[in-house]
Amino acid sequence: HVAPTVTQEQLSAALPTIPTDRLRRTLQELCDHHVLVRVGTSEWRFASLLFQRWLALNSVAEG
């Protein structure tokens, strides 16, 4: 299975208080650290499906 992708537009809508340039820098840094993979001009996915599942489980547990 491949992790689903998310667009910069979706991220901007979900994180309206984060400036676009900061979001772009953060996405690039996450790619540099192999957390995200860029799959298009403005589309990303988690590099690891396991990490995506771990994050989802821990987000629910903390919420």
N, C-alpha and C. Protein backbone atom coordinates (compact mmCIF):
# COMPACT_ATOMS: atom_id res chain seq x y z
N HIS A 1 0.83 -1.19 0.00
CA HIS A 1 0.00 0.00 0.00
C HIS A 1 0.87 1.26 0.00
N VAL A 2 0.37 2.27 -0.68
CA VAL A 2 1.07 3.56 -0.72
C VAL A 2 0.26 4.55 0.09
N ALA A 3 0.94 5.35 0.87
CA ALA A 3 0.27 6.37 1.67
C ALA A 3 -0.45 7.36 0.76
N PRO A 4 -1.63 7.83 1.18
CA PRO A 4 -2.34 8.84 0.37
C PRO A 4 -1.55 10.15 0.32
N THR A 5 -1.83 10.94 -0.68
CA THR A 5 -1.13 12.21 -0.84
C THR A 5 -1.98 13.36 -0.30
N VAL A 6 -1.32 14.47 -0.07
CA VAL A 6 -1.98 15.70 0.36
C VAL A 6 -1.37 16.84 -0.45
N THR A 7 -2.21 17.79 -0.83
CA THR A 7 -1.72 18.93 -1.61
C THR A 7 -1.41 20.10 -0.69
N GLN A 8 -0.61 21.01 -1.21
CA GLN A 8 -0.30 22.21 -0.44
C GLN A 8 -1.57 23.01 -0.19
N GLU A 9 -2.50 22.99 -1.13
CA GLU A 9 -3.78 23.69 -0.95
C GLU A 9 -4.55 23.10 0.23
N GLN A 10 -4.58 21.78 0.35
CA GLN A 10 -5.26 21.13 1.47
C GLN A 10 -4.58 21.48 2.79
N LEU A 11 -3.26 21.47 2.79
CA LEU A 11 -2.53 21.82 4.01
C LEU A 11 -2.76 23.27 4.40
N SER A 12 -2.75 24.16 3.44
CA SER A 12 -2.99 25.59 3.72
C SER A 12 -4.38 25.80 4.29
N ALA A 13 -5.36 25.07 3.78
CA ALA A 13 -6.73 25.19 4.28
C ALA A 13 -6.83 24.65 5.71
N ALA A 14 -6.11 23.58 6.00
CA ALA A 14 -6.15 22.98 7.33
C ALA A 14 -5.31 23.75 8.35
N LEU A 15 -4.34 24.53 7.86
CA LEU A 15 -3.43 25.28 8.73
C LEU A 15 -3.43 26.76 8.33
N PRO A 16 -4.56 27.44 8.47
CA PRO A 16 -4.68 28.80 7.95
C PRO A 16 -3.79 29.84 8.62
N THR A 17 -3.28 29.55 9.80
CA THR A 17 -2.44 30.54 10.50
C THR A 17 -0.96 30.43 10.12
N ILE A 18 -0.61 29.43 9.34
CA ILE A 18 0.79 29.26 8.92
C ILE A 18 0.99 29.91 7.56
N PRO A 19 1.90 30.87 7.47
CA PRO A 19 2.16 31.54 6.18
C PRO A 19 2.63 30.54 5.12
N THR A 20 2.28 30.81 3.87
CA THR A 20 2.60 29.92 2.76
C THR A 20 4.09 29.63 2.65
N ASP A 21 4.93 30.65 2.81
CA ASP A 21 6.38 30.42 2.68
C ASP A 21 6.90 29.53 3.80
N ARG A 22 6.36 29.68 5.00
CA ARG A 22 6.78 28.82 6.12
C ARG A 22 6.33 27.38 5.87
N LEU A 23 5.13 27.21 5.35
CA LEU A 23 4.63 25.87 5.04
C LEU A 23 5.52 25.21 4.00
N ARG A 24 5.89 25.95 2.97
CA ARG A 24 6.78 25.41 1.92
C ARG A 24 8.13 24.98 2.50
N ARG A 25 8.69 25.83 3.36
CA ARG A 25 9.99 25.50 3.98
C ARG A 25 9.87 24.25 4.85
N THR A 26 8.79 24.15 5.60
CA THR A 26 8.58 23.00 6.47
C THR A 26 8.43 21.72 5.66
N LEU A 27 7.66 21.80 4.58
CA LEU A 27 7.50 20.63 3.71
C LEU A 27 8.84 20.20 3.13
N GLN A 28 9.65 21.16 2.71
CA GLN A 28 10.96 20.84 2.15
C GLN A 28 11.86 20.20 3.21
N GLU A 29 11.81 20.73 4.42
CA GLU A 29 12.62 20.16 5.50
C GLU A 29 12.19 18.72 5.81
N LEU A 30 10.89 18.47 5.81
CA LEU A 30 10.40 17.11 6.05
C LEU A 30 10.83 16.17 4.93
N CYS A 31 10.89 16.67 3.71
CA CYS A 31 11.41 15.87 2.58
C CYS A 31 12.90 15.61 2.76
N ASP A 32 13.64 16.62 3.17
CA ASP A 32 15.08 16.48 3.38
C ASP A 32 15.40 15.43 4.44
N HIS A 33 14.48 15.28 5.42
CA HIS A 33 14.68 14.31 6.50
C HIS A 33 13.96 12.99 6.23
N HIS A 34 13.47 12.83 5.00
CA HIS A 34 12.85 11.57 4.55
C HIS A 34 11.59 11.21 5.32
N VAL A 35 10.89 12.22 5.83
CA VAL A 35 9.60 12.00 6.47
C VAL A 35 8.51 12.06 5.41
N LEU A 36 8.64 13.01 4.48
CA LEU A 36 7.70 13.15 3.37
C LEU A 36 8.42 12.89 2.05
N VAL A 37 7.63 12.53 1.04
CA VAL A 37 8.12 12.39 -0.32
C VAL A 37 7.26 13.29 -1.20
N ARG A 38 7.92 14.10 -2.01
CA ARG A 38 7.19 14.97 -2.93
C ARG A 38 6.83 14.14 -4.16
N VAL A 39 5.53 14.10 -4.50
CA VAL A 39 5.07 13.26 -5.61
C VAL A 39 4.52 14.08 -6.77
N GLY A 40 4.57 15.38 -6.66
CA GLY A 40 4.11 16.27 -7.72
C GLY A 40 4.65 17.65 -7.44
N THR A 41 4.20 18.61 -8.21
CA THR A 41 4.70 19.97 -7.99
C THR A 41 4.25 20.54 -6.65
N SER A 42 3.08 20.12 -6.18
CA SER A 42 2.60 20.60 -4.87
C SER A 42 1.81 19.50 -4.17
N GLU A 43 2.38 18.29 -4.15
CA GLU A 43 1.71 17.15 -3.54
C GLU A 43 2.74 16.30 -2.81
N TRP A 44 2.38 15.84 -1.61
CA TRP A 44 3.29 15.08 -0.76
C TRP A 44 2.58 13.88 -0.17
N ARG A 45 3.39 12.93 0.29
CA ARG A 45 2.89 11.79 1.06
C ARG A 45 3.97 11.41 2.06
N PHE A 46 3.54 10.68 3.11
CA PHE A 46 4.52 10.19 4.07
C PHE A 46 5.44 9.20 3.37
N ALA A 47 6.69 9.23 3.72
CA ALA A 47 7.66 8.30 3.13
C ALA A 47 7.38 6.87 3.58
N SER A 48 6.80 6.73 4.76
CA SER A 48 6.55 5.41 5.33
C SER A 48 5.09 5.29 5.73
N LEU A 49 4.42 4.24 5.24
CA LEU A 49 3.04 3.99 5.65
C LEU A 49 2.99 3.68 7.14
N LEU A 50 4.01 3.01 7.65
CA LEU A 50 4.08 2.71 9.08
C LEU A 50 4.11 3.99 9.90
N PHE A 51 4.91 4.99 9.48
CA PHE A 51 4.96 6.26 10.19
C PHE A 51 3.60 6.95 10.14
N GLN A 52 2.93 6.89 9.00
CA GLN A 52 1.61 7.50 8.87
C GLN A 52 0.63 6.88 9.87
N ARG A 53 0.65 5.56 9.98
CA ARG A 53 -0.25 4.87 10.92
C ARG A 53 0.11 5.23 12.36
N TRP A 54 1.41 5.26 12.67
CA TRP A 54 1.85 5.62 14.02
C TRP A 54 1.37 7.02 14.38
N LEU A 55 1.53 7.96 13.45
CA LEU A 55 1.11 9.34 13.69
C LEU A 55 -0.40 9.41 13.91
N ALA A 56 -1.17 8.71 13.11
CA ALA A 56 -2.62 8.71 13.25
C ALA A 56 -3.03 8.14 14.61
N LEU A 57 -2.43 7.04 15.02
CA LEU A 57 -2.75 6.44 16.32
C LEU A 57 -2.38 7.36 17.47
N ASN A 58 -1.22 7.98 17.42
CA ASN A 58 -0.79 8.86 18.50
C ASN A 58 -1.57 10.16 18.52
N SER A 59 -2.01 10.64 17.39
CA SER A 59 -2.83 11.86 17.34
C SER A 59 -4.17 11.61 18.01
N VAL A 60 -4.76 10.44 17.78
CA VAL A 60 -6.03 10.08 18.40
C VAL A 60 -5.85 9.90 19.89
N ALA A 61 -4.77 9.26 20.30
CA ALA A 61 -4.51 9.01 21.72
C ALA A 61 -4.32 10.31 22.49
N GLU A 62 -3.70 11.31 21.86
CA GLU A 62 -3.46 12.58 22.54
C GLU A 62 -4.68 13.48 22.52
N GLY A 63 -5.54 13.31 21.53
CA GLY A 63 -6.71 14.17 21.35
C GLY A 63 -7.75 13.88 22.34
